[in-house]
Amino acid sequence: MSLLPDSAVTSAPGLRRAQLLLARQALEAILAAQRPADAILQDLFRDNRQCGSRDRARISELVYGVLRDLRRLQAIAGVQADAGALCALRLLDQGLADAATLEAWGLTASTALARRLAGFDPATLTPAQRDNLPQACHERLVAQYGEDATAALAQALRGQAQVDLRVNRLKATREAARQRLAQEGVKAEPTPRSPLGLRLSARAPLQNLASFREGWVEPQDEGSQLIALLVGARPGDTVVDYCAGAGGKTLALAAQMQDRGELLACDISAARLKKLRPRLQRAGVNSVVGLALPDETALAKFAGRCDAVLVDAPCSATGTWRRNPELRLREPDFAALQALQLRILGDAARLPRAGGRLVYATCSLMAVENDEVVRAFLEQHPEYVREDAGEILRAAGADWQEPELRLLPQRHGTDGFYAVAFRRQGE
């Protein structure tokens, strides 16, 4: 179903006026709100049920297209850089509409914007504007990686992330899942590093696939799969996912453990843990117990007796900017994040037994949240030593040679991730 008939437009192929107006409405909310873009779009589509799948796709493409090129479009628009002007510039720049059509649709500044676009000199952009990065983040990345590598990283972050699936070994092998997906009309190939991953050749409506509904596969970036493998969970272990969130890594850990042992999923949000329940049921997992934090009494029962603990810490999420380009609208408070990460990691450090493993992970690209946190933690906790991530991952069947896990979109084709494994010394 489409909002307008195809004959309604001749000069903006594939685009409808109603789609443009809804995209502008969504973009206004995204620029003004502290909520994820996908949540705002979901609300918009729920409130406009006349939108068909084609409408939703075109609205989303326009909104995310603006966000992935926001700083350049803002520089071109100048003082006119409201949501309508940004949408118009994106359409003009991509040749998806002409100024006359956009003027007729109510974007009355479109002719002037078209002139600004035609006369714009890209050399006037700052490096941060060119790379569509917050200024402070750009400076940190250049200091870490250099200008050329930062430009390549930024270019990768402006692209669209692929769809990776993790095969649930409680129900299927990777090859069996790949063949079943093929029978459902979805082409997938094994991921290069994770032994559990399948990468789709094109996006597909997973909720319509029996292989998904029956728990054979779960959407999970290959990098996230590797972090779960780094935990090295085994059947019968006692394991804690200390910042479980939506539970993607919890599910992966449960499969590693063959759904045998104790697996505690912790999060400060009871609502997030509640959303995990149907995913556990779909995956055929019964060993997971949820715990809303803080709950010192419950956690005390696990202190000093866990075989492994995963701390997937709250962070700037800079490594997910392909999927969540709206996150780059604001400068992260790195000092506050680092303090929080150290506190959480220190709290979790009480849980592993002697000889047990503690894994620290983020989806951040920033050394201030990664290397610096690890150094500070080891200074504060001499009872822990670093382990070789490559050895652990190779033992789990993954292809990874380096002693720590540092994933970059332009090099590895994943989201940006960082993870380190520690072992608690003692007998």
Protein backbone atom coordinates (compact mmCIF):
# COMPACT_ATOMS: atom_id res chain seq x y z
CA MET A 1 0.00 0.00 0.00
CA SER A 2 1.28 3.49 -0.87
CA LEU A 3 0.18 6.82 0.53
CA LEU A 4 -0.26 8.36 -2.93
CA PRO A 5 -0.82 6.89 -6.41
CA ASP A 6 2.20 6.60 -8.69
CA SER A 7 0.71 9.16 -11.08
CA ALA A 8 0.87 11.84 -8.38
CA VAL A 9 4.50 12.68 -9.17
CA THR A 10 6.56 12.69 -12.33
CA SER A 11 9.58 14.79 -11.34
CA ALA A 12 10.48 12.92 -8.14
CA PRO A 13 10.68 9.25 -9.14
CA GLY A 14 9.88 6.88 -6.31
CA LEU A 15 9.00 9.66 -3.85
CA ARG A 16 5.59 10.88 -2.66
CA ARG A 17 4.72 14.16 -1.01
CA ALA A 18 3.19 12.38 2.00
CA GLN A 19 6.37 10.34 2.42
CA LEU A 20 8.45 13.52 2.42
CA LEU A 21 6.23 15.20 4.99
CA LEU A 22 6.42 12.22 7.32
CA ALA A 23 10.20 12.02 6.89
CA ARG A 24 10.46 15.68 7.81
CA GLN A 25 8.26 15.09 10.87
CA ALA A 26 10.45 12.18 11.98
CA LEU A 27 13.67 14.11 11.41
CA GLU A 28 12.38 17.05 13.45
CA ALA A 29 11.72 14.70 16.36
CA ILE A 30 15.11 13.00 16.03
CA LEU A 31 17.01 16.30 15.98
CA ALA A 32 15.13 17.51 19.04
CA ALA A 33 14.87 14.33 21.12
CA GLN A 34 17.16 12.08 23.14
CA ARG A 35 15.49 8.95 21.75
CA PRO A 36 16.84 6.52 19.13
CA ALA A 37 15.86 7.20 15.54
CA ASP A 38 14.41 3.72 15.06
CA ALA A 39 12.10 4.20 18.06
CA ILE A 40 10.87 7.52 16.68
CA LEU A 41 10.24 5.98 13.27
CA GLN A 42 8.39 3.04 14.86
CA ASP A 43 6.11 5.48 16.69
CA LEU A 44 5.55 7.43 13.47
CA PHE A 45 4.58 4.31 11.51
CA ARG A 46 2.33 3.12 14.33
CA ASP A 47 0.49 6.45 14.27
CA ASN A 48 0.26 6.39 10.45
CA ARG A 49 -0.95 2.88 9.73
CA GLN A 50 -1.75 3.82 6.13
CA CYS A 51 1.98 3.55 5.46
CA GLY A 52 2.82 0.44 3.51
CA SER A 53 6.19 -1.29 3.40
CA ARG A 54 7.31 0.82 0.43
CA ASP A 55 6.37 4.02 2.24
CA ARG A 56 8.22 2.95 5.38
CA ALA A 57 11.31 2.06 3.38
CA ARG A 58 11.42 5.39 1.53
CA ILE A 59 10.79 7.44 4.66
CA SER A 60 13.51 5.57 6.53
CA GLU A 61 15.97 5.87 3.64
CA LEU A 62 15.48 9.64 3.51
CA VAL A 63 15.79 10.11 7.29
CA TYR A 64 18.88 7.93 7.65
CA GLY A 65 20.38 9.43 4.50
CA VAL A 66 20.19 12.88 6.08
CA LEU A 67 21.67 11.65 9.37
CA ARG A 68 24.60 9.95 7.63
CA ASP A 69 25.50 13.19 5.86
CA LEU A 70 24.17 15.64 8.43
CA ARG A 71 27.10 17.98 9.00
CA ARG A 72 27.77 18.57 5.32
CA LEU A 73 24.08 19.21 4.66
CA GLN A 74 23.94 21.60 7.60
CA ALA A 75 26.95 23.49 6.25
CA ILE A 76 25.29 23.83 2.85
CA ALA A 77 21.95 24.91 4.32
CA GLY A 78 23.48 27.49 6.67
CA VAL A 79 20.86 29.31 8.71
CA GLN A 80 18.10 27.40 6.90
CA ALA A 81 19.21 24.05 8.34
CA ASP A 82 15.86 22.86 9.72
CA ALA A 83 14.48 19.38 9.07
CA GLY A 84 12.64 20.42 5.91
CA ALA A 85 15.72 22.05 4.41
CA LEU A 86 17.88 19.03 5.23
CA CYS A 87 15.40 16.67 3.59
CA ALA A 88 15.21 18.91 0.53
CA LEU A 89 19.01 19.08 0.23
CA ARG A 90 19.33 15.32 0.50
CA LEU A 91 16.77 14.81 -2.27
CA LEU A 92 18.33 17.47 -4.48
CA ASP A 93 21.84 16.15 -3.90
CA GLN A 94 20.83 12.58 -4.79
CA GLY A 95 18.79 13.63 -7.83
CA LEU A 96 15.60 12.26 -6.27
CA ALA A 97 13.56 15.45 -6.69
CA ASP A 98 13.85 18.85 -8.33
CA ALA A 99 13.37 22.23 -6.69
CA ALA A 100 10.09 22.95 -8.46
CA THR A 101 8.49 19.76 -7.13
CA LEU A 102 9.75 20.41 -3.61
CA GLU A 103 8.48 23.99 -3.74
CA ALA A 104 5.07 22.69 -4.81
CA TRP A 105 5.14 20.26 -1.89
CA GLY A 106 5.61 23.08 0.60
CA LEU A 107 9.40 23.28 0.99
CA THR A 108 9.46 26.87 -0.19
CA ALA A 109 13.21 27.41 0.24
CA SER A 110 14.10 24.62 -2.19
CA THR A 111 15.09 26.83 -5.10
CA ALA A 112 17.48 28.81 -2.91
CA LEU A 113 18.83 25.57 -1.45
CA ALA A 114 19.42 24.20 -4.94
CA ARG A 115 21.51 27.29 -5.75
CA ARG A 116 23.52 26.88 -2.52
CA LEU A 117 24.10 23.21 -3.32
CA ALA A 118 25.30 24.00 -6.85
CA GLY A 119 27.71 26.68 -5.61
CA PHE A 120 28.98 24.89 -2.52
CA ASP A 121 32.73 24.32 -2.24
CA PRO A 122 33.49 21.10 -0.26
CA ALA A 123 36.91 22.52 0.58
CA THR A 124 35.21 24.89 3.03
CA LEU A 125 34.20 21.95 5.27
CA THR A 126 36.21 21.25 8.39
CA PRO A 127 37.57 17.68 8.63
CA ALA A 128 34.95 16.87 11.27
CA GLN A 129 32.14 18.19 9.04
CA ARG A 130 33.52 16.27 6.06
CA ASP A 131 33.60 13.07 8.11
CA ASN A 132 30.23 13.78 9.79
CA LEU A 133 31.70 13.43 13.27
CA PRO A 134 31.40 15.51 16.44
CA GLN A 135 34.47 17.74 16.73
CA ALA A 136 35.83 16.25 19.96
CA CYS A 137 35.30 12.69 18.70
CA HIS A 138 37.10 13.53 15.47
CA GLU A 139 40.06 14.93 17.39
CA ARG A 140 40.28 11.82 19.56
CA LEU A 141 40.09 9.48 16.58
CA VAL A 142 42.80 11.37 14.69
CA ALA A 143 45.02 11.18 17.78
CA GLN A 144 44.45 7.42 17.96
CA TYR A 145 44.50 6.35 14.33
CA GLY A 146 45.86 9.26 12.27
CA GLU A 147 44.06 11.39 9.70
CA ASP A 148 43.94 8.88 6.83
CA ALA A 149 42.68 5.99 8.96
CA THR A 150 40.12 8.27 10.61
CA ALA A 151 38.81 9.35 7.21
CA ALA A 152 38.48 5.69 6.18
CA LEU A 153 36.77 4.86 9.47
CA ALA A 154 34.38 7.79 9.08
CA GLN A 155 33.51 6.70 5.55
CA ALA A 156 32.70 3.21 6.81
CA LEU A 157 30.56 4.64 9.59
CA ARG A 158 28.49 6.54 7.02
CA GLY A 159 27.53 3.30 5.29
CA GLN A 160 24.72 0.91 6.08
CA ALA A 161 25.53 -2.05 8.29
CA GLN A 162 25.05 -5.55 6.93
CA VAL A 163 22.71 -8.05 8.56
CA ASP A 164 24.46 -10.81 10.50
CA LEU A 165 22.71 -13.73 12.14
CA ARG A 166 23.99 -16.01 14.88
CA VAL A 167 23.04 -19.64 14.50
CA ASN A 168 21.56 -21.11 17.67
CA ARG A 169 23.47 -24.35 18.19
CA LEU A 170 20.79 -25.56 20.55
CA LYS A 171 18.64 -26.05 17.46
CA ALA A 172 20.79 -26.17 14.33
CA THR A 173 24.23 -26.25 12.77
CA ARG A 174 25.39 -23.30 10.70
CA GLU A 175 25.08 -25.25 7.46
CA ALA A 176 21.59 -26.50 8.32
CA ALA A 177 20.49 -22.95 9.12
CA ARG A 178 22.03 -21.64 5.88
CA GLN A 179 20.20 -24.24 3.84
CA ARG A 180 16.91 -23.54 5.58
CA LEU A 181 17.28 -19.82 4.95
CA ALA A 182 17.93 -20.59 1.29
CA GLN A 183 14.69 -22.59 1.18
CA GLU A 184 12.95 -19.50 2.57
CA GLY A 185 14.43 -17.36 -0.21
CA VAL A 186 17.19 -15.74 1.85
CA LYS A 187 20.78 -16.06 0.68
CA ALA A 188 23.40 -16.12 3.45
CA GLU A 189 27.10 -16.91 3.65
CA PRO A 190 29.28 -17.85 6.64
CA THR A 191 30.87 -14.90 8.43
CA PRO A 192 34.67 -14.87 8.09
CA ARG A 193 35.60 -14.92 11.79
CA SER A 194 32.74 -16.18 13.93
CA PRO A 195 31.99 -19.90 13.55
CA LEU A 196 28.35 -19.17 14.41
CA GLY A 197 27.60 -16.36 11.98
CA LEU A 198 25.71 -16.03 8.71
CA ARG A 199 25.75 -12.79 6.72
CA LEU A 200 22.76 -11.99 4.55
CA SER A 201 23.34 -10.83 1.00
CA ALA A 202 20.33 -8.50 1.32
CA ARG A 203 17.98 -7.38 4.06
CA ALA A 204 15.04 -9.66 4.76
CA PRO A 205 11.95 -9.45 7.02
CA LEU A 206 13.16 -11.86 9.70
CA GLN A 207 9.86 -11.90 11.53
CA ASN A 208 8.33 -13.59 8.47
CA LEU A 209 10.85 -16.45 8.45
CA ALA A 210 10.11 -19.74 10.19
CA SER A 211 13.83 -20.20 10.86
CA PHE A 212 13.74 -17.05 12.98
CA ARG A 213 10.37 -17.67 14.64
CA GLU A 214 11.50 -21.17 15.63
CA GLY A 215 14.75 -19.90 17.14
CA TRP A 216 17.27 -21.27 14.67
CA VAL A 217 18.84 -17.85 14.13
CA GLU A 218 19.07 -14.53 15.96
CA PRO A 219 20.23 -11.18 14.53
CA GLN A 220 23.64 -10.38 16.01
CA ASP A 221 26.62 -8.56 14.52
CA GLU A 222 29.63 -10.81 13.99
CA GLY A 223 31.67 -8.66 16.37
CA SER A 224 29.13 -9.14 19.13
CA GLN A 225 29.26 -12.89 18.51
CA LEU A 226 33.03 -12.83 19.03
CA ILE A 227 32.65 -11.01 22.34
CA ALA A 228 30.30 -13.73 23.59
CA LEU A 229 32.76 -16.41 22.44
CA LEU A 230 35.55 -14.63 24.32
CA VAL A 231 33.75 -15.42 27.58
CA GLY A 232 34.48 -19.10 26.97
CA ALA A 233 31.36 -20.29 28.75
CA ARG A 234 31.02 -24.07 29.11
CA PRO A 235 28.17 -26.42 30.00
CA GLY A 236 27.62 -26.49 33.75
CA ASP A 237 29.40 -23.17 34.39
CA THR A 238 28.17 -20.34 36.55
CA VAL A 239 28.17 -17.25 34.34
CA VAL A 240 26.96 -13.67 34.79
CA ASP A 241 26.09 -11.29 31.94
CA TYR A 242 26.45 -8.18 34.09
CA CYS A 243 25.02 -5.61 31.64
CA ALA A 244 22.67 -7.82 29.66
CA GLY A 245 20.59 -5.12 27.97
CA ALA A 246 18.35 -6.66 25.32
CA GLY A 247 20.01 -10.03 25.89
CA GLY A 248 21.74 -10.81 22.60
CA LYS A 249 24.93 -11.97 24.29
CA THR A 250 22.95 -13.73 27.03
CA LEU A 251 21.36 -15.91 24.36
CA ALA A 252 24.75 -16.62 22.83
CA LEU A 253 26.18 -17.59 26.23
CA ALA A 254 23.25 -19.90 26.93
CA ALA A 255 23.88 -21.71 23.66
CA GLN A 256 27.60 -22.05 24.48
CA MET A 257 26.60 -23.59 27.81
CA GLN A 258 24.15 -25.95 26.03
CA ASP A 259 21.51 -24.46 28.35
CA ARG A 260 23.18 -26.21 31.32
CA GLY A 261 24.46 -24.42 34.40
CA GLU A 262 23.64 -21.07 35.99
CA LEU A 263 23.37 -18.01 33.77
CA LEU A 264 22.43 -14.71 35.41
CA ALA A 265 21.33 -11.82 33.19
CA CYS A 266 21.66 -8.49 35.03
CA ASP A 267 20.58 -5.02 33.99
CA ILE A 268 19.50 -1.79 35.65
CA SER A 269 16.32 -1.87 33.53
CA ALA A 270 13.72 -4.42 34.56
CA ALA A 271 11.80 -3.51 31.38
CA ARG A 272 14.72 -4.58 29.19
CA LEU A 273 15.02 -7.87 31.04
CA LYS A 274 11.31 -8.47 30.57
CA LYS A 275 11.73 -8.11 26.81
CA LEU A 276 14.30 -10.91 26.94
CA ARG A 277 11.71 -13.52 27.94
CA PRO A 278 10.15 -14.16 24.52
CA ARG A 279 13.62 -14.36 22.96
CA LEU A 280 14.62 -17.01 25.50
CA GLN A 281 11.47 -18.99 24.76
CA ARG A 282 12.06 -18.79 21.01
CA ALA A 283 15.66 -19.96 21.46
CA GLY A 284 14.65 -22.88 23.70
CA VAL A 285 16.64 -21.54 26.66
CA ASN A 286 15.60 -22.33 30.24
CA SER A 287 18.80 -21.72 32.24
CA VAL A 288 18.68 -17.90 32.38
CA VAL A 289 17.59 -16.01 35.48
CA GLY A 290 17.06 -12.25 35.23
CA LEU A 291 18.16 -9.83 37.95
CA ALA A 292 17.35 -6.13 37.99
CA LEU A 293 20.18 -4.11 39.52
CA PRO A 294 21.00 -2.90 42.08
CA ASP A 295 20.34 -5.98 44.18
CA GLU A 296 23.33 -6.52 46.44
CA THR A 297 21.71 -9.37 48.34
CA ALA A 298 21.18 -11.45 45.22
CA LEU A 299 24.60 -10.63 43.78
CA ALA A 300 26.34 -11.54 47.04
CA LYS A 301 25.37 -15.18 46.42
CA PHE A 302 27.54 -15.17 43.28
CA ALA A 303 30.57 -13.36 44.72
CA GLY A 304 33.77 -15.34 44.27
CA ARG A 305 32.15 -18.37 42.67
CA CYS A 306 31.53 -17.45 39.00
CA ASP A 307 33.44 -19.22 36.24
CA ALA A 308 33.01 -16.23 33.93
CA VAL A 309 31.55 -12.73 34.01
CA LEU A 310 30.85 -10.51 30.99
CA VAL A 311 30.75 -6.73 31.44
CA ASP A 312 29.44 -5.27 28.20
CA ALA A 313 29.68 -1.78 29.63
CA PRO A 314 27.55 1.29 28.89
CA CYS A 315 29.54 3.45 26.49
CA SER A 316 29.39 6.13 23.80
CA ALA A 317 28.34 3.46 21.26
CA THR A 318 30.54 5.17 18.64
CA GLY A 319 31.15 1.76 17.07
CA THR A 320 27.44 1.45 16.20
CA TRP A 321 27.14 4.71 14.27
CA ARG A 322 26.40 2.81 11.05
CA ARG A 323 23.23 1.49 12.65
CA ASN A 324 22.48 4.49 14.87
CA PRO A 325 23.68 7.61 13.03
CA GLU A 326 21.64 9.87 15.30
CA LEU A 327 24.05 9.10 18.16
CA ARG A 328 26.67 11.32 16.53
CA LEU A 329 24.48 14.40 16.99
CA ARG A 330 25.96 15.10 20.43
CA GLU A 331 29.40 14.97 22.00
CA PRO A 332 29.65 12.11 24.53
CA ASP A 333 30.73 12.91 28.08
CA PHE A 334 33.80 10.68 28.06
CA ALA A 335 34.90 11.53 31.60
CA ALA A 336 31.54 10.48 33.02
CA LEU A 337 31.46 7.34 30.88
CA GLN A 338 34.95 6.29 31.94
CA ALA A 339 34.10 6.74 35.62
CA LEU A 340 30.94 4.67 35.18
CA GLN A 341 32.78 1.93 33.29
CA LEU A 342 35.48 1.64 35.96
CA ARG A 343 32.88 1.50 38.72
CA ILE A 344 30.86 -1.21 36.98
CA LEU A 345 33.96 -3.23 36.14
CA GLY A 346 35.18 -2.96 39.73
CA ASP A 347 31.81 -4.12 41.05
CA ALA A 348 31.76 -7.09 38.67
CA ALA A 349 35.33 -8.03 39.63
CA ARG A 350 34.01 -9.39 42.93
CA LEU A 351 32.13 -12.18 41.17
CA PRO A 352 34.70 -14.48 39.45
CA ARG A 353 36.29 -17.29 41.44
CA ALA A 354 40.05 -17.70 41.61
CA GLY A 355 41.04 -18.77 38.10
CA GLY A 356 37.78 -17.39 36.73
CA ARG A 357 37.45 -15.05 33.79
CA LEU A 358 36.25 -11.44 33.57
CA VAL A 359 35.59 -9.94 30.12
CA TYR A 360 35.33 -6.18 29.60
CA ALA A 361 33.72 -5.07 26.35
CA THR A 362 32.37 -1.93 24.71
CA CYS A 363 30.95 -0.94 21.34
CA SER A 364 33.17 2.16 21.45
CA LEU A 365 36.01 3.19 19.18
CA MET A 366 37.56 5.45 21.79
CA ALA A 367 40.72 4.65 23.77
CA VAL A 368 39.38 6.65 26.72
CA GLU A 369 36.66 4.00 27.15
CA ASN A 370 38.81 1.04 26.18
CA ASP A 371 42.59 1.02 26.69
CA GLU A 372 42.51 3.64 29.43
CA VAL A 373 39.82 1.81 31.39
CA VAL A 374 41.78 -1.45 31.15
CA ARG A 375 44.98 0.19 32.39
CA ALA A 376 43.20 1.83 35.31
CA PHE A 377 41.39 -1.38 36.23
CA LEU A 378 44.61 -3.42 36.32
CA GLU A 379 46.26 -0.77 38.51
CA GLN A 380 43.34 -0.96 40.95
CA HIS A 381 42.97 -4.76 40.81
CA PRO A 382 46.34 -6.52 40.88
CA GLU A 383 44.55 -9.83 41.42
CA TYR A 384 43.66 -9.80 37.70
CA VAL A 385 45.92 -10.39 34.70
CA ARG A 386 45.18 -10.12 31.00
CA GLU A 387 44.59 -13.22 28.92
CA ASP A 388 45.31 -13.74 25.21
CA ALA A 389 42.01 -13.14 23.40
CA GLY A 390 43.29 -14.86 20.28
CA GLU A 391 43.95 -18.11 22.14
CA ILE A 392 40.49 -18.09 23.70
CA LEU A 393 38.73 -17.33 20.44
CA ARG A 394 40.67 -19.87 18.40
CA ALA A 395 39.79 -22.52 20.98
CA ALA A 396 36.14 -21.60 20.36
CA GLY A 397 36.55 -22.05 16.61
CA ALA A 398 36.89 -18.37 15.70
CA ASP A 399 39.47 -16.93 13.32
CA TRP A 400 41.25 -14.29 15.41
CA GLN A 401 45.01 -13.96 15.87
CA GLU A 402 45.51 -10.83 18.00
CA PRO A 403 45.86 -10.82 21.82
CA GLU A 404 42.95 -8.40 22.24
CA LEU A 405 39.71 -7.98 20.34
CA ARG A 406 39.57 -4.64 18.53
CA LEU A 407 37.16 -4.50 15.61
CA LEU A 408 36.85 -1.61 13.14
CA PRO A 409 34.15 -1.33 10.47
CA GLN A 410 36.52 -0.42 7.64
CA ARG A 411 38.87 -3.32 8.43
CA HIS A 412 36.62 -6.09 9.67
CA GLY A 413 33.17 -5.31 8.23
CA THR A 414 31.61 -5.36 11.70
CA ASP A 415 30.48 -2.69 14.11
CA GLY A 416 33.27 -1.17 16.18
CA PHE A 417 34.00 -3.28 19.26
CA TYR A 418 36.69 -3.65 21.90
CA ALA A 419 37.09 -6.47 24.38
CA VAL A 420 39.70 -7.74 26.83
CA ALA A 421 39.71 -10.93 28.90
CA PHE A 422 41.14 -11.00 32.43
CA ARG A 423 41.84 -13.99 34.67
CA ARG A 424 41.56 -13.79 38.44
CA GLN A 425 44.74 -15.13 39.97
CA GLY A 426 44.78 -17.60 42.84
CA GLU A 427 43.98 -21.21 43.55
